[in-house]
Amino acid sequence: MQETKITIQNSTNDTILKFNSNSTLINAGSYEYANIDEAKNSPLAQQLFYLPFVKKVFITPNFIAIQRYDIVAWSDVQEEVREQIEHFINEGNLVVNEETNASKKEAIEVYAEVTPNPSVMKFGLNKVITQTDVEYKNIEEASKSSPLAQAIFSFPFVKEVFISDNYISITKYNMVDWNEIFAEVRSFIREYLVAKKPIFTDLPTPETSSKNSIEIPEVKLDGIAGEIVAILDEYIKPAVAGDGGNIAFRSYDASNKIVSVVLQGACSGCPSSTATLKNGIENLLKEMLPNQINGVVAING
């Protein structure tokens, strides 16, 4: 039997670290646990929650993602966690008891919501499916890391797919109207998730993204840039997520006091995005960071 090797990979969120496996961890689907009580069917997740800094555990067929509390830095503990996971698996312990879930079908709800962008429909879910926002511009990008997104691209009218926390935003071509197709797409997503088919096989990295993808750099949360990120996370992202979009910090030009952000999901190409930037984000940042912001510019993701 092949010995399992665990390697470490950073994510775009500095509180989340991925532990990739060279062997299959579970058969299909993905599991997310927010505490030790939720992890009753996962001996591995239960053990990880005994570590005081573990906030959430996300398990897929070939990697485990762990979100930490801010009481430690990953650089101080990541090697210890990697060794613990590797030892646990190689001792023959169960990662997830999938038979427990097989006996009862998960109740999954998918609901469709219109967004300010007429080309985009938001499909909300009653479960969290990812800790990392991921946007796919075409089926080739999706084929590298997301079987779910790849499957959605099988619809000929699908132009882009954005997968976030507990929703999927889909951008369509103008060949059809949403009122003709949203019910079919909603049923497709629900049946896919009920069948516990994989959402991700891997999360994309700058190396695996297409040359047209916009790389969002890792941000050091200090100084004005850190304050901007904190304001976006607390005040802006929840609001735009409600409309099926996302706004991610890209850079802060201290000399010109200009903030650059990336628009994703329903925000990308939305007719009202300019007004959102000027009347919402820019005004809020100017108010909360006086004399530090001259303007906000956007890049469509």
Protein backbone atom coordinates (compact mmCIF):
# COMPACT_ATOMS: atom_id res chain seq x y z
CA MET A 1 0.00 0.00 0.00
CA GLN A 2 1.32 3.40 -1.00
CA GLU A 3 2.45 5.57 1.87
CA THR A 4 0.60 8.86 1.99
CA LYS A 5 2.68 12.01 1.67
CA ILE A 6 1.27 15.38 2.69
CA THR A 7 2.59 18.61 1.21
CA ILE A 8 1.75 22.18 2.17
CA GLN A 9 0.25 24.79 -0.17
CA ASN A 10 -0.71 28.37 0.64
CA SER A 11 -4.11 29.73 -0.34
CA THR A 12 -5.23 33.25 -1.26
CA ASN A 13 -6.56 33.58 2.30
CA ASP A 14 -3.65 33.78 4.74
CA THR A 15 -5.68 32.13 7.52
CA ILE A 16 -6.27 29.02 5.37
CA LEU A 17 -3.60 26.46 4.56
CA LYS A 18 -3.96 23.47 2.27
CA PHE A 19 -2.48 20.06 3.02
CA ASN A 20 -2.32 18.16 -0.28
CA SER A 21 -2.25 14.36 -0.37
CA ASN A 22 -0.66 12.09 -2.97
CA SER A 23 -3.36 9.50 -2.26
CA THR A 24 -7.15 9.67 -2.29
CA LEU A 25 -8.55 10.72 1.09
CA ILE A 26 -12.29 10.21 0.44
CA ASN A 27 -14.25 8.77 -2.46
CA ALA A 28 -16.22 11.81 -3.58
CA GLY A 29 -17.74 15.10 -2.54
CA SER A 30 -16.38 17.35 0.18
CA TYR A 31 -16.98 17.90 3.88
CA GLU A 32 -16.72 21.05 5.96
CA TYR A 33 -16.68 21.19 9.75
CA ALA A 34 -16.90 24.29 11.93
CA ASN A 35 -16.39 22.51 15.27
CA ILE A 36 -15.72 19.11 16.83
CA ASP A 37 -19.43 18.30 17.22
CA GLU A 38 -20.04 18.70 13.49
CA ALA A 39 -17.07 16.40 12.83
CA LYS A 40 -18.62 13.25 14.35
CA ASN A 41 -18.23 11.36 11.06
CA SER A 42 -14.58 12.44 10.60
CA PRO A 43 -12.00 11.03 13.03
CA LEU A 44 -9.31 13.13 11.37
CA ALA A 45 -11.23 16.40 11.69
CA GLN A 46 -12.05 15.59 15.31
CA GLN A 47 -8.36 15.14 16.08
CA LEU A 48 -7.49 18.41 14.34
CA PHE A 49 -10.05 20.32 16.42
CA TYR A 50 -8.09 19.41 19.53
CA LEU A 51 -5.51 21.90 18.27
CA PRO A 52 -6.61 25.20 19.87
CA PHE A 53 -5.94 27.29 16.76
CA VAL A 54 -8.10 25.25 14.36
CA LYS A 55 -11.24 27.15 13.34
CA LYS A 56 -12.58 25.11 10.40
CA VAL A 57 -11.65 21.92 8.55
CA PHE A 58 -12.49 21.29 4.89
CA ILE A 59 -11.88 17.79 3.45
CA THR A 60 -11.91 16.86 -0.26
CA PRO A 61 -10.69 13.74 -2.12
CA ASN A 62 -7.12 15.02 -2.39
CA PHE A 63 -6.54 17.80 0.11
CA ILE A 64 -7.45 19.07 3.56
CA ALA A 65 -7.84 22.82 4.08
CA ILE A 66 -7.62 24.21 7.61
CA GLN A 67 -8.61 27.69 8.69
CA ARG A 68 -6.84 28.96 11.81
CA TYR A 69 -7.69 31.48 14.48
CA ASP A 70 -5.32 34.45 14.74
CA ILE A 71 -3.68 33.19 17.96
CA VAL A 72 -0.83 31.67 15.91
CA ALA A 73 0.86 32.12 12.54
CA TRP A 74 0.88 29.19 10.13
CA SER A 75 4.67 29.41 9.87
CA ASP A 76 4.91 28.41 13.54
CA VAL A 77 2.69 25.31 13.38
CA GLN A 78 2.25 24.15 9.78
CA GLU A 79 4.97 21.49 9.84
CA GLU A 80 3.60 20.00 13.05
CA VAL A 81 0.11 19.83 11.53
CA ARG A 82 1.44 18.32 8.30
CA GLU A 83 3.23 15.57 10.24
CA GLN A 84 0.15 14.91 12.38
CA ILE A 85 -2.11 14.48 9.34
CA GLU A 86 0.43 12.28 7.53
CA HIS A 87 0.97 10.07 10.59
CA PHE A 88 -2.80 9.77 11.23
CA ILE A 89 -3.49 8.56 7.69
CA ASN A 90 -0.51 6.21 7.47
CA GLU A 91 -1.57 4.56 10.74
CA GLY A 92 -4.66 3.39 8.83
CA ASN A 93 -7.12 5.70 10.56
CA LEU A 94 -10.33 6.77 8.84
CA VAL A 95 -10.43 10.28 7.37
CA VAL A 96 -14.23 10.41 6.96
CA ASN A 97 -16.78 7.69 7.68
CA GLU A 98 -18.61 8.05 4.37
CA GLU A 99 -20.96 5.16 5.14
CA THR A 100 -22.58 7.31 7.83
CA ASN A 101 -23.58 9.84 5.22
CA ALA A 102 -24.55 7.25 2.61
CA SER A 103 -27.47 6.06 4.71
CA LYS A 104 -29.17 9.45 4.68
CA LYS A 105 -29.40 11.87 1.81
CA GLU A 106 -28.32 15.36 2.64
CA ALA A 107 -31.11 17.92 2.34
CA ILE A 108 -29.70 20.45 -0.10
CA GLU A 109 -31.61 23.52 -1.18
CA VAL A 110 -30.71 25.70 -4.14
CA TYR A 111 -32.51 28.94 -4.80
CA ALA A 112 -32.12 31.37 -7.69
CA GLU A 113 -31.79 35.12 -7.15
CA VAL A 114 -31.60 37.91 -9.69
CA THR A 115 -28.64 40.28 -9.36
CA PRO A 116 -28.03 43.89 -10.40
CA ASN A 117 -26.16 42.46 -13.38
CA PRO A 118 -28.82 41.20 -15.85
CA SER A 119 -26.36 38.68 -17.30
CA VAL A 120 -25.73 37.04 -13.92
CA MET A 121 -27.93 34.80 -11.78
CA LYS A 122 -26.99 33.87 -8.22
CA PHE A 123 -27.72 30.33 -7.06
CA GLY A 124 -27.70 30.32 -3.27
CA LEU A 125 -27.16 27.16 -1.22
CA ASN A 126 -28.02 26.07 2.30
CA LYS A 127 -24.46 24.78 2.83
CA VAL A 128 -20.94 26.12 2.55
CA ILE A 129 -19.03 24.63 -0.38
CA THR A 130 -15.73 26.53 -0.34
CA GLN A 131 -13.53 28.76 1.80
CA THR A 132 -11.89 30.34 -1.25
CA ASP A 133 -13.59 32.48 -3.90
CA VAL A 134 -12.84 31.04 -7.34
CA GLU A 135 -13.79 32.44 -10.74
CA TYR A 136 -13.63 30.55 -14.03
CA LYS A 137 -13.72 32.34 -17.38
CA ASN A 138 -14.06 29.21 -19.51
CA ILE A 139 -14.30 25.43 -19.39
CA GLU A 140 -10.53 25.02 -19.84
CA GLU A 141 -9.87 26.88 -16.59
CA ALA A 142 -12.59 24.89 -14.82
CA SER A 143 -11.21 21.55 -16.02
CA LYS A 144 -7.99 22.18 -14.05
CA SER A 145 -9.60 22.29 -10.64
CA SER A 146 -13.42 22.18 -10.46
CA PRO A 147 -15.55 19.32 -11.80
CA LEU A 148 -18.65 21.26 -10.68
CA ALA A 149 -17.75 24.36 -12.69
CA GLN A 150 -16.75 22.18 -15.64
CA ALA A 151 -20.16 20.51 -15.52
CA ILE A 152 -21.95 23.88 -15.42
CA PHE A 153 -20.04 24.94 -18.53
CA SER A 154 -21.73 22.05 -20.36
CA PHE A 155 -24.70 24.40 -20.76
CA PRO A 156 -23.99 26.26 -24.04
CA PHE A 157 -25.22 29.59 -22.66
CA VAL A 158 -22.78 29.68 -19.71
CA LYS A 159 -20.04 32.28 -20.10
CA GLU A 160 -18.43 32.42 -16.62
CA VAL A 161 -18.78 30.67 -13.26
CA PHE A 162 -17.97 32.17 -9.85
CA ILE A 163 -17.99 29.87 -6.79
CA SER A 164 -18.04 31.42 -3.33
CA ASP A 165 -18.84 30.55 0.28
CA ASN A 166 -22.45 29.35 -0.11
CA TYR A 167 -23.46 30.40 -3.60
CA ILE A 168 -22.59 30.10 -7.28
CA SER A 169 -22.93 33.05 -9.65
CA ILE A 170 -23.29 32.20 -13.34
CA THR A 171 -22.81 34.68 -16.18
CA LYS A 172 -24.66 33.82 -19.38
CA TYR A 173 -24.34 34.79 -23.01
CA ASN A 174 -27.21 36.85 -24.42
CA MET A 175 -28.59 33.97 -26.53
CA VAL A 176 -31.26 33.22 -23.89
CA ASP A 177 -33.10 34.91 -21.02
CA TRP A 178 -32.67 33.72 -17.44
CA ASN A 179 -36.42 33.14 -17.03
CA GLU A 180 -36.15 30.41 -19.68
CA ILE A 181 -33.26 28.52 -18.10
CA PHE A 182 -32.80 29.27 -14.40
CA ALA A 183 -35.02 26.38 -13.21
CA GLU A 184 -33.03 23.85 -15.23
CA VAL A 185 -29.71 25.19 -13.91
CA ARG A 186 -30.99 25.23 -10.32
CA SER A 187 -32.09 21.58 -10.57
CA PHE A 188 -28.78 20.61 -12.15
CA ILE A 189 -26.73 22.15 -9.33
CA ARG A 190 -28.93 20.59 -6.66
CA GLU A 191 -28.76 17.09 -8.19
CA TYR A 192 -24.98 17.42 -8.58
CA LEU A 193 -24.52 18.30 -4.90
CA VAL A 194 -27.00 15.69 -3.63
CA ALA A 195 -25.03 13.06 -5.55
CA LYS A 196 -21.92 14.21 -3.60
CA LYS A 197 -19.93 14.69 -6.76
CA PRO A 198 -16.66 16.60 -6.26
CA ILE A 199 -16.77 20.39 -6.23
CA PHE A 200 -13.00 20.87 -6.42
CA THR A 201 -10.17 18.51 -7.16
CA ASP A 202 -7.76 21.35 -6.43
CA LEU A 203 -7.93 25.10 -5.93
CA PRO A 204 -6.34 27.08 -8.78
CA THR A 205 -2.98 28.75 -8.32
CA PRO A 206 -1.32 31.46 -10.44
CA GLU A 207 0.65 28.68 -12.15
CA THR A 208 -2.46 26.73 -13.20
CA SER A 209 -4.61 29.72 -14.10
CA SER A 210 -4.89 30.85 -17.69
CA LYS A 211 -2.82 33.79 -18.85
CA ASN A 212 -5.98 35.89 -18.96
CA SER A 213 -6.79 35.28 -15.29
CA ILE A 214 -6.14 38.12 -12.88
CA GLU A 215 -3.83 37.11 -10.09
CA ILE A 216 -4.84 38.54 -6.73
CA PRO A 217 -1.63 38.83 -4.73
CA GLU A 218 -1.33 37.80 -1.13
CA VAL A 219 -1.77 40.83 1.09
CA LYS A 220 0.25 41.61 4.18
CA LEU A 221 -2.29 42.94 6.62
CA ASP A 222 -0.38 45.96 7.84
CA GLY A 223 -0.51 49.72 7.35
CA ILE A 224 -3.13 51.39 5.17
CA ALA A 225 -3.40 48.34 2.88
CA GLY A 226 -4.31 46.18 5.86
CA GLU A 227 -6.92 48.68 7.02
CA ILE A 228 -8.45 48.75 3.52
CA VAL A 229 -8.67 44.95 3.44
CA ALA A 230 -10.32 44.92 6.87
CA ILE A 231 -12.92 47.51 5.78
CA LEU A 232 -13.67 45.62 2.57
CA ASP A 233 -14.07 42.34 4.47
CA GLU A 234 -16.35 43.80 7.15
CA TYR A 235 -18.49 46.30 5.29
CA ILE A 236 -18.32 45.69 1.54
CA LYS A 237 -17.98 41.98 0.86
CA PRO A 238 -21.12 40.90 2.75
CA ALA A 239 -23.19 43.43 0.80
CA VAL A 240 -21.92 42.48 -2.66
CA ALA A 241 -22.06 38.76 -1.79
CA GLY A 242 -25.80 39.25 -1.29
CA ASP A 243 -25.95 40.23 -4.96
CA GLY A 244 -23.82 37.29 -6.09
CA GLY A 245 -20.55 39.19 -6.48
CA ASN A 246 -17.22 39.76 -4.84
CA ILE A 247 -14.75 42.63 -4.57
CA ALA A 248 -11.17 41.65 -3.77
CA PHE A 249 -8.35 44.00 -2.82
CA ARG A 250 -5.55 44.12 -5.38
CA SER A 251 -3.22 46.98 -4.41
CA TYR A 252 -2.80 50.37 -2.76
CA ASP A 253 -0.71 53.06 -4.43
CA ALA A 254 0.47 55.07 -1.42
CA SER A 255 1.99 57.88 -3.49
CA ASN A 256 -1.25 58.59 -5.37
CA LYS A 257 -3.56 57.20 -2.68
CA ILE A 258 -5.40 55.00 -5.21
CA VAL A 259 -6.98 51.66 -4.29
CA SER A 260 -7.29 48.95 -6.96
CA VAL A 261 -9.86 46.20 -6.55
CA VAL A 262 -10.91 43.19 -8.62
CA LEU A 263 -14.59 42.71 -9.47
CA GLN A 264 -15.79 39.10 -9.62
CA GLY A 265 -19.04 37.23 -10.09
CA ALA A 266 -22.07 39.48 -10.59
CA CYS A 267 -19.91 42.57 -10.00
CA SER A 268 -17.78 41.89 -13.07
CA GLY A 269 -19.17 43.84 -16.00
CA CYS A 270 -22.22 44.94 -14.01
CA PRO A 271 -23.78 48.22 -15.30
CA SER A 272 -24.13 49.48 -11.72
CA SER A 273 -20.59 48.58 -10.62
CA THR A 274 -19.25 52.09 -11.31
CA ALA A 275 -21.90 53.60 -9.05
CA THR A 276 -21.12 50.99 -6.41
CA LEU A 277 -17.45 51.90 -6.54
CA LYS A 278 -17.95 55.65 -6.39
CA ASN A 279 -20.95 55.93 -4.10
CA GLY A 280 -20.22 52.93 -1.94
CA ILE A 281 -16.64 51.77 -1.62
CA GLU A 282 -14.82 54.99 -2.40
CA ASN A 283 -16.95 57.14 -0.11
CA LEU A 284 -16.72 54.61 2.72
CA LEU A 285 -12.95 54.34 2.47
CA LYS A 286 -12.55 58.11 2.35
CA GLU A 287 -14.75 58.45 5.42
CA MET A 288 -13.03 55.73 7.42
CA LEU A 289 -9.49 56.54 6.26
CA PRO A 290 -9.44 60.36 6.03
CA ASN A 291 -6.76 61.89 3.79
CA GLN A 292 -5.56 58.43 2.73
CA ILE A 293 -7.82 57.71 -0.27
CA ASN A 294 -8.13 59.76 -3.47
CA GLY A 295 -9.99 57.16 -5.52
CA VAL A 296 -10.86 53.53 -6.22
CA VAL A 297 -10.33 51.85 -9.56
CA ALA A 298 -11.69 48.46 -10.57
CA ILE A 299 -10.52 45.59 -12.72
CA ASN A 300 -13.08 43.11 -13.98
CA GLY A 301 -12.08 39.64 -12.82
